[in-house]
Amino acid sequence: MAPLATALVTTGPAARAGAPNILKPLPPRRFVDYGTNAEMRWDSVDPARYHTAQRHLFVRNHTRTPTIDPATYGLRIFGDGLREPRSEADAHVLSLRELKRLPRHVHTAVLECTGNGRSFFASQQDEPASGTPWTLGAVGTVRWEGVKLRHVLRRLGVSPRAVAVMATGLDDEFTSGGTNYGRVRRPFAIEKALDDAILAWAANGEDLLPDHGFPLRLVLPGWIGIASIKWLGSLEVSRRGLTSPWNTTFYRMTGGDYPADSPPLTVNPVRSAWELPWAATLPAGVTRTLTGRAWSGAGPIRRVDVSLDGGRSWRPAELEDPRGRAPRSGPADNGTGWTRWSVRWRAPRAGSYELLARATDRAGRRQPLVTPYNAQGYFFDAVVRHPVTVA
């Protein structure tokens, strides 16, 4: 594996709110544009389509989307956790072409921002939290294509004493509050690296879009979105535990009743959403089928219970994808996608309603009615009270 030139990365000054921090179009009927971030509108989701097209997928950036030349791109892998330790200056460098010669792997998984649902801490629990005020649209299910990280690491050789991998992106250094935190990077356990971690170059059968990590990104199925580093530049394999601001300062629970030594966040909670406009107006006396989706970082959804009267009564929804996989999917779709569900609402009378959906996964985790507060608004997994007017 011959060394390559460092990838050409075209960036600019630190991102500010508004375009051009995100490169793909953000039509208002599909997205809420937050400047460096963009949220998918749930009422734009097609109930008949399982996977989320890249052009419809939410965007979470810390700075701005870089433009990277795939011809000069090289993934750098180094560290004392390799069987033959290498310094960063002497890293293995793998081109995209070399990676694509390794066994191809396809895997469907939910991608979700850790702060998804953050705005409901304020609007539903009167406890405002800092950060992008996502509702529930910072999520999507994608069919990733690439190579399992374990194939790459085993080809290079991993020390039996390796304990952690640090993934670092190629986007601009992140500055906030006068502090430069460096490039976005986050470590994860070697067990995850050798299990289901993926180095992905395609999504839903197409090359990654720049906003979603082109030419290569890490995907850690079931884990929080920040763990799936975009525009992957390097992997450090280490014999010691690793830290970065993204697992110490950020992306761990702080404030509220959480202890100061709360661990870094990993597996996503259980959540559900209605495929319906917020504060929708529906015709009275008309029977209709309402749809939604539920998902969990711990595996498939076992059941979804819904209430059409603000929680006074509940009924089970009908599950369309109880295995958390797309219809007619192959063995790669092994239950880490979301589950579509539906419920029949028979001729509702005129009035104001709150629709509730409460999912339970196969690990036995169920959405609570209230989520404990944390200062950065992570993991709002409580049942969301979706307002609807029937007139």
Protein backbone atom coordinates (compact mmCIF):
# COMPACT_ATOMS: atom_id res chain seq x y z
CA MET A 1 0.00 0.00 0.00
CA ALA A 2 2.02 2.91 -1.29
CA PRO A 3 1.71 6.31 0.40
CA LEU A 4 -0.43 8.83 -1.41
CA ALA A 5 -0.59 12.59 -1.46
CA THR A 6 -2.77 14.17 1.23
CA ALA A 7 -6.32 14.71 0.02
CA LEU A 8 -7.08 18.11 -1.46
CA VAL A 9 -9.54 19.77 0.90
CA THR A 10 -11.19 23.01 -0.16
CA THR A 11 -12.48 24.84 2.87
CA GLY A 12 -12.84 28.43 3.95
CA PRO A 13 -13.32 30.54 7.03
CA ALA A 14 -15.27 29.24 9.98
CA ALA A 15 -18.91 28.66 9.08
CA ARG A 16 -21.59 31.24 9.81
CA ALA A 17 -25.33 30.81 9.69
CA GLY A 18 -26.82 30.47 6.22
CA ALA A 19 -25.65 29.18 2.85
CA PRO A 20 -23.17 28.08 1.50
CA ASN A 21 -22.29 25.91 4.51
CA ILE A 22 -24.44 23.12 3.07
CA LEU A 23 -23.99 22.37 -0.63
CA LYS A 24 -27.13 20.44 -1.59
CA PRO A 25 -30.45 22.24 -2.25
CA LEU A 26 -32.66 22.73 0.80
CA PRO A 27 -36.20 23.29 -0.52
CA PRO A 28 -38.40 24.69 2.28
CA ARG A 29 -41.07 22.08 1.69
CA ARG A 30 -38.54 19.42 2.74
CA PHE A 31 -36.14 21.13 5.16
CA VAL A 32 -35.85 23.56 8.02
CA ASP A 33 -32.59 25.39 7.31
CA TYR A 34 -30.52 26.24 10.42
CA GLY A 35 -27.45 27.47 8.49
CA THR A 36 -24.82 24.83 9.22
CA ASN A 37 -27.58 22.28 9.89
CA ALA A 38 -30.79 21.30 8.09
CA GLU A 39 -33.72 19.27 9.42
CA MET A 40 -35.94 16.93 7.41
CA ARG A 41 -39.65 17.76 7.56
CA TRP A 42 -41.60 14.66 8.56
CA ASP A 43 -44.62 15.71 6.47
CA SER A 44 -42.39 15.48 3.38
CA VAL A 45 -41.63 11.79 3.97
CA ASP A 46 -43.18 9.32 1.53
CA PRO A 47 -44.80 6.52 3.60
CA ALA A 48 -44.22 4.09 0.73
CA ARG A 49 -40.43 4.56 0.68
CA TYR A 50 -38.31 2.86 3.29
CA HIS A 51 -34.86 4.40 2.79
CA THR A 52 -34.13 8.12 3.09
CA ALA A 53 -32.68 9.55 -0.14
CA GLN A 54 -29.51 11.55 0.42
CA ARG A 55 -31.12 14.63 -1.07
CA HIS A 56 -33.79 14.40 1.67
CA LEU A 57 -31.49 13.44 4.55
CA PHE A 58 -30.85 15.88 7.40
CA VAL A 59 -27.46 17.61 7.60
CA ARG A 60 -25.46 18.14 10.78
CA ASN A 61 -22.20 20.07 10.30
CA HIS A 62 -19.91 21.64 12.86
CA THR A 63 -18.43 24.03 10.30
CA ARG A 64 -19.05 23.74 6.56
CA THR A 65 -19.10 20.97 3.99
CA PRO A 66 -15.64 20.54 2.43
CA THR A 67 -15.00 19.60 -1.20
CA ILE A 68 -12.51 16.73 -1.42
CA ASP A 69 -10.77 15.41 -4.54
CA PRO A 70 -11.25 11.61 -4.56
CA ALA A 71 -8.27 11.17 -6.90
CA THR A 72 -5.86 12.40 -4.23
CA TYR A 73 -7.77 11.18 -1.20
CA GLY A 74 -6.05 8.81 1.19
CA LEU A 75 -7.26 7.35 4.50
CA ARG A 76 -4.40 7.48 7.02
CA ILE A 77 -4.22 4.66 9.62
CA PHE A 78 -1.61 4.67 12.35
CA GLY A 79 -1.04 4.13 16.06
CA ASP A 80 0.59 1.88 18.63
CA GLY A 81 -2.47 -0.37 18.53
CA LEU A 82 -1.42 -1.77 15.17
CA ARG A 83 0.54 -5.03 15.23
CA GLU A 84 3.46 -3.06 13.80
CA PRO A 85 3.07 0.39 15.42
CA ARG A 86 3.24 3.41 13.14
CA SER A 87 3.50 7.10 13.89
CA GLU A 88 1.16 9.59 12.28
CA ALA A 89 3.99 10.69 9.98
CA ASP A 90 4.50 7.08 8.88
CA ALA A 91 0.81 6.16 8.60
CA HIS A 92 -0.58 3.56 6.23
CA VAL A 93 -2.38 5.49 3.49
CA LEU A 94 -5.20 3.73 1.62
CA SER A 95 -6.70 5.17 -1.52
CA LEU A 96 -10.38 4.88 -2.32
CA ARG A 97 -9.48 2.45 -5.09
CA GLU A 98 -7.58 0.22 -2.65
CA LEU A 99 -10.48 0.23 -0.19
CA LYS A 100 -12.93 -0.74 -2.92
CA ARG A 101 -10.84 -3.83 -3.71
CA LEU A 102 -11.66 -5.23 -0.26
CA PRO A 103 -14.83 -7.29 0.42
CA ARG A 104 -17.85 -5.08 -0.23
CA HIS A 105 -20.41 -4.76 2.54
CA VAL A 106 -23.96 -3.34 2.42
CA HIS A 107 -25.79 -2.49 5.62
CA THR A 108 -28.98 -0.53 6.34
CA ALA A 109 -28.87 1.58 9.50
CA VAL A 110 -30.53 4.59 11.07
CA LEU A 111 -28.44 7.78 11.15
CA GLU A 112 -29.53 10.20 13.87
CA CYS A 113 -28.22 13.35 15.50
CA THR A 114 -27.77 13.05 19.27
CA GLY A 115 -29.79 16.24 19.74
CA ASN A 116 -32.78 15.04 17.74
CA GLY A 117 -35.91 16.20 19.58
CA ARG A 118 -33.99 18.83 21.57
CA SER A 119 -36.65 21.54 21.14
CA PHE A 120 -39.18 19.46 23.10
CA PHE A 121 -37.22 19.96 26.31
CA ALA A 122 -38.47 23.57 26.10
CA SER A 123 -41.85 23.24 24.38
CA GLN A 124 -43.04 20.11 26.18
CA GLN A 125 -41.16 20.11 29.50
CA ASP A 126 -40.43 23.85 30.03
CA GLU A 127 -36.69 23.11 30.30
CA PRO A 128 -34.80 24.88 27.47
CA ALA A 129 -31.54 23.28 26.36
CA SER A 130 -28.76 24.77 24.25
CA GLY A 131 -28.10 23.76 20.65
CA THR A 132 -29.92 23.45 17.33
CA PRO A 133 -33.68 23.31 18.10
CA TRP A 134 -34.37 20.06 16.25
CA THR A 135 -37.86 18.63 16.40
CA LEU A 136 -37.65 14.96 15.27
CA GLY A 137 -36.29 15.36 11.73
CA ALA A 138 -32.56 14.90 12.42
CA VAL A 139 -32.83 11.24 11.45
CA GLY A 140 -32.97 8.98 8.41
CA THR A 141 -32.46 5.35 7.38
CA VAL A 142 -29.78 4.71 4.79
CA ARG A 143 -28.47 1.68 2.91
CA TRP A 144 -24.73 2.14 3.34
CA GLU A 145 -22.18 0.54 1.03
CA GLY A 146 -18.50 0.15 1.81
CA VAL A 147 -16.11 -2.18 3.60
CA LYS A 148 -16.21 -3.39 7.19
CA LEU A 149 -13.54 -1.68 9.22
CA ARG A 150 -12.45 -5.00 10.64
CA HIS A 151 -11.36 -6.19 7.18
CA VAL A 152 -9.13 -3.16 6.84
CA LEU A 153 -7.66 -3.42 10.34
CA ARG A 154 -7.03 -7.15 10.11
CA ARG A 155 -5.30 -6.67 6.80
CA LEU A 156 -2.96 -4.15 8.43
CA GLY A 157 -2.68 -6.15 11.64
CA VAL A 158 -4.08 -5.17 15.04
CA SER A 159 -2.32 -5.64 18.35
CA PRO A 160 -4.19 -7.78 20.90
CA ARG A 161 -3.57 -4.87 23.30
CA ALA A 162 -5.51 -2.36 21.15
CA VAL A 163 -8.41 -0.80 23.04
CA ALA A 164 -9.59 2.26 21.08
CA VAL A 165 -9.78 3.93 17.66
CA MET A 166 -9.87 7.69 17.08
CA ALA A 167 -11.67 8.80 13.90
CA THR A 168 -10.86 12.29 12.62
CA GLY A 169 -12.61 14.21 9.84
CA LEU A 170 -11.26 16.52 7.16
CA ASP A 171 -13.64 19.44 7.68
CA ASP A 172 -12.53 22.80 9.10
CA GLU A 173 -11.38 23.11 12.67
CA PHE A 174 -14.28 23.88 14.99
CA THR A 175 -14.21 27.08 17.03
CA SER A 176 -16.85 27.96 19.62
CA GLY A 177 -16.87 30.56 22.39
CA GLY A 178 -13.35 31.60 21.50
CA THR A 179 -11.96 28.07 21.85
CA ASN A 180 -10.52 26.17 18.88
CA TYR A 181 -11.35 22.51 19.42
CA GLY A 182 -9.54 21.31 16.29
CA ARG A 183 -10.94 18.99 13.69
CA VAL A 184 -14.03 16.95 14.56
CA ARG A 185 -12.81 13.65 16.01
CA ARG A 186 -14.18 11.03 18.38
CA PRO A 187 -12.82 7.74 19.74
CA PHE A 188 -14.67 4.46 19.99
CA ALA A 189 -13.90 1.03 21.41
CA ILE A 190 -11.91 -1.51 19.42
CA GLU A 191 -14.78 -3.96 19.99
CA LYS A 192 -17.09 -1.73 17.91
CA ALA A 193 -14.38 -1.33 15.26
CA LEU A 194 -14.07 -5.10 14.90
CA ASP A 195 -17.84 -5.69 15.02
CA ASP A 196 -20.10 -3.72 12.66
CA ALA A 197 -18.22 -0.46 11.92
CA ILE A 198 -18.26 0.44 8.22
CA LEU A 199 -16.11 2.62 5.99
CA ALA A 200 -18.82 3.79 3.58
CA TRP A 201 -18.39 5.37 0.15
CA ALA A 202 -22.00 5.08 -1.04
CA ALA A 203 -25.55 5.52 0.24
CA ASN A 204 -28.64 3.94 -1.34
CA GLY A 205 -26.60 2.82 -4.34
CA GLU A 206 -25.08 6.26 -5.09
CA ASP A 207 -21.78 7.90 -4.22
CA LEU A 208 -21.97 9.86 -1.00
CA LEU A 209 -22.97 13.48 -1.46
CA PRO A 210 -20.42 16.00 -0.14
CA ASP A 211 -22.78 16.99 2.68
CA HIS A 212 -22.92 13.36 3.81
CA GLY A 213 -19.24 12.57 3.85
CA PHE A 214 -17.88 12.16 0.31
CA PRO A 215 -15.63 10.42 -0.50
CA LEU A 216 -15.56 8.25 2.66
CA ARG A 217 -17.24 8.29 6.05
CA LEU A 218 -17.33 6.10 9.10
CA VAL A 219 -20.66 4.50 10.03
CA LEU A 220 -21.20 3.04 13.50
CA PRO A 221 -24.66 1.39 13.32
CA GLY A 222 -26.94 2.09 16.27
CA TRP A 223 -24.67 4.76 17.72
CA ILE A 224 -25.12 8.53 17.91
CA GLY A 225 -24.55 10.44 14.68
CA ILE A 226 -21.37 12.24 15.80
CA ALA A 227 -19.67 8.84 16.10
CA SER A 228 -20.08 8.30 12.34
CA ILE A 229 -17.38 10.80 11.35
CA LYS A 230 -17.85 12.35 7.90
CA TRP A 231 -15.02 13.08 5.42
CA LEU A 232 -12.92 10.53 7.25
CA GLY A 233 -9.26 11.53 7.17
CA SER A 234 -7.55 9.26 9.67
CA LEU A 235 -7.92 6.42 12.16
CA GLU A 236 -5.59 6.13 15.12
CA VAL A 237 -5.53 2.65 16.68
CA SER A 238 -4.36 2.85 20.28
CA ARG A 239 -3.38 0.65 23.20
CA ARG A 240 -4.75 3.23 25.62
CA GLY A 241 -8.08 4.95 26.00
CA LEU A 242 -8.44 8.07 23.86
CA THR A 243 -10.33 11.29 24.43
CA SER A 244 -11.41 14.34 22.44
CA PRO A 245 -13.77 17.26 23.11
CA TRP A 246 -16.44 15.21 21.33
CA ASN A 247 -16.53 12.58 24.07
CA THR A 248 -15.56 14.73 27.08
CA THR A 249 -16.91 18.28 26.65
CA PHE A 250 -19.64 17.35 24.15
CA TYR A 251 -21.88 14.32 23.64
CA ARG A 252 -22.17 13.23 27.25
CA MET A 253 -24.86 14.10 29.77
CA THR A 254 -24.22 17.20 31.89
CA GLY A 255 -26.48 19.30 34.10
CA GLY A 256 -29.76 18.30 35.63
CA ASP A 257 -29.39 15.25 37.88
CA TYR A 258 -26.55 13.73 35.87
CA PRO A 259 -23.26 13.14 37.72
CA ALA A 260 -20.12 14.99 36.62
CA ASP A 261 -18.54 11.73 35.43
CA SER A 262 -21.36 10.64 33.09
CA PRO A 263 -19.88 8.46 30.33
CA PRO A 264 -19.75 9.41 26.65
CA LEU A 265 -22.96 8.64 24.78
CA THR A 266 -23.03 5.71 22.38
CA VAL A 267 -26.26 3.77 21.61
CA ASN A 268 -29.27 5.82 20.50
CA PRO A 269 -32.56 5.61 22.45
CA VAL A 270 -36.02 4.59 21.23
CA ARG A 271 -38.07 7.21 19.38
CA SER A 272 -41.07 7.57 17.10
CA ALA A 273 -42.57 10.23 14.85
CA TRP A 274 -45.80 10.89 12.95
CA GLU A 275 -45.57 11.51 9.19
CA LEU A 276 -47.83 14.50 9.53
CA PRO A 277 -47.39 18.29 9.54
CA TRP A 278 -46.98 19.86 12.96
CA ALA A 279 -50.34 21.34 14.01
CA ALA A 280 -51.98 19.73 10.97
CA THR A 281 -55.60 20.47 10.10
CA LEU A 282 -57.62 17.41 9.06
CA PRO A 283 -61.23 17.18 7.82
CA ALA A 284 -63.88 16.16 10.35
CA GLY A 285 -65.86 12.99 9.83
CA VAL A 286 -63.33 11.48 7.40
CA THR A 287 -61.69 8.14 8.19
CA ARG A 288 -58.02 8.12 7.32
CA THR A 289 -54.86 6.11 7.91
CA LEU A 290 -52.15 7.92 9.85
CA THR A 291 -48.56 6.74 9.45
CA GLY A 292 -45.27 7.11 11.24
CA ARG A 293 -41.93 5.49 11.99
CA ALA A 294 -40.15 4.22 15.09
CA TRP A 295 -36.49 3.34 15.61
CA SER A 296 -33.93 2.37 18.22
CA GLY A 297 -30.16 2.09 18.41
CA ALA A 298 -30.48 -1.22 20.23
CA GLY A 299 -32.33 -3.13 17.52
CA PRO A 300 -35.75 -3.63 15.93
CA ILE A 301 -39.01 -2.21 17.26
CA ARG A 302 -41.26 -4.73 19.02
CA ARG A 303 -44.43 -2.63 19.24
CA VAL A 304 -45.82 0.88 18.86
CA ASP A 305 -48.80 2.04 20.91
CA VAL A 306 -50.68 5.16 19.80
CA SER A 307 -53.18 7.49 21.40
CA LEU A 308 -55.50 9.74 19.40
CA ASP A 309 -56.95 11.49 22.44
CA GLY A 310 -53.97 12.95 24.29
CA GLY A 311 -53.10 9.79 26.22
CA ARG A 312 -56.50 8.89 27.69
CA SER A 313 -56.66 5.67 25.67
CA TRP A 314 -54.09 3.65 23.72
CA ARG A 315 -54.16 1.07 20.97
CA PRO A 316 -51.45 -0.92 19.16
CA ALA A 317 -50.38 0.38 15.77
CA GLU A 318 -49.92 -1.97 12.84
CA LEU A 319 -46.23 -2.56 12.13
CA GLU A 320 -45.16 -2.75 8.52
CA ASP A 321 -41.44 -3.50 9.08
CA PRO A 322 -41.27 -5.33 12.43
CA ARG A 323 -37.75 -6.61 11.70
CA GLY A 324 -36.38 -3.13 11.14
CA ARG A 325 -35.49 -3.87 7.55
CA ALA A 326 -36.73 -2.87 4.13
CA PRO A 327 -39.21 -5.10 2.29
CA ARG A 328 -37.55 -7.70 0.07
CA SER A 329 -34.19 -6.80 1.58
CA GLY A 330 -31.17 -9.06 1.53
CA PRO A 331 -29.18 -10.46 4.45
CA ALA A 332 -27.27 -7.18 4.88
CA ASP A 333 -30.42 -5.44 6.13
CA ASN A 334 -30.20 -7.11 9.51
CA GLY A 335 -32.62 -5.16 11.66
CA THR A 336 -30.91 -1.83 12.32
CA GLY A 337 -33.28 0.26 10.22
CA TRP A 338 -36.54 1.80 11.36
CA THR A 339 -40.06 0.38 11.46
CA ARG A 340 -43.00 1.96 9.64
CA TRP A 341 -46.35 1.81 11.42
CA SER A 342 -49.94 2.93 10.83
CA VAL A 343 -53.23 3.43 12.62
CA ARG A 344 -56.77 3.95 11.33
CA TRP A 345 -58.52 7.07 12.67
CA ARG A 346 -62.23 6.61 12.13
CA ALA A 347 -64.29 9.75 11.40
CA PRO A 348 -62.94 12.04 14.13
CA ARG A 349 -65.20 14.84 15.34
CA ALA A 350 -64.20 18.50 15.04
CA GLY A 351 -61.89 19.67 17.79
CA SER A 352 -58.28 19.91 18.98
CA TYR A 353 -56.33 16.71 19.55
CA GLU A 354 -52.89 15.52 20.63
CA LEU A 355 -51.58 12.43 18.88
CA LEU A 356 -49.09 10.29 20.80
CA ALA A 357 -46.91 7.37 19.68
CA ARG A 358 -44.91 5.25 22.10
CA ALA A 359 -42.43 2.68 20.80
CA THR A 360 -40.85 -0.33 22.53
CA ASP A 361 -37.81 -2.07 21.10
CA ARG A 362 -36.87 -5.74 21.29
CA ALA A 363 -34.35 -4.97 24.04
CA GLY A 364 -37.33 -3.99 26.21
CA ARG A 365 -36.63 -0.25 26.13
CA ARG A 366 -39.80 1.86 25.94
CA GLN A 367 -40.23 5.57 25.39
CA PRO A 368 -40.92 7.40 28.67
CA LEU A 369 -43.52 10.12 29.13
CA VAL A 370 -40.84 12.52 30.46
CA THR A 371 -37.13 12.68 29.62
CA PRO A 372 -34.67 13.70 32.38
CA TYR A 373 -33.17 17.10 31.56
CA ASN A 374 -29.58 17.62 30.45
CA ALA A 375 -27.98 20.96 29.60
CA GLN A 376 -27.18 20.17 25.96
CA GLY A 377 -30.53 18.63 25.11
CA TYR A 378 -29.35 15.16 24.12
CA PHE A 379 -31.53 12.05 23.87
CA PHE A 380 -35.03 13.53 24.12
CA ASP A 381 -36.81 10.19 23.87
CA ALA A 382 -40.10 10.99 25.59
CA VAL A 383 -43.41 10.53 23.81
CA VAL A 384 -44.01 13.67 21.72
CA ARG A 385 -47.45 15.27 21.91
CA HIS A 386 -48.29 16.04 18.26
CA PRO A 387 -51.07 18.67 17.93
CA VAL A 388 -53.80 18.26 15.33
CA THR A 389 -56.96 20.24 14.59
CA VAL A 390 -59.97 18.48 13.10
CA ALA A 391 -62.36 20.90 11.39
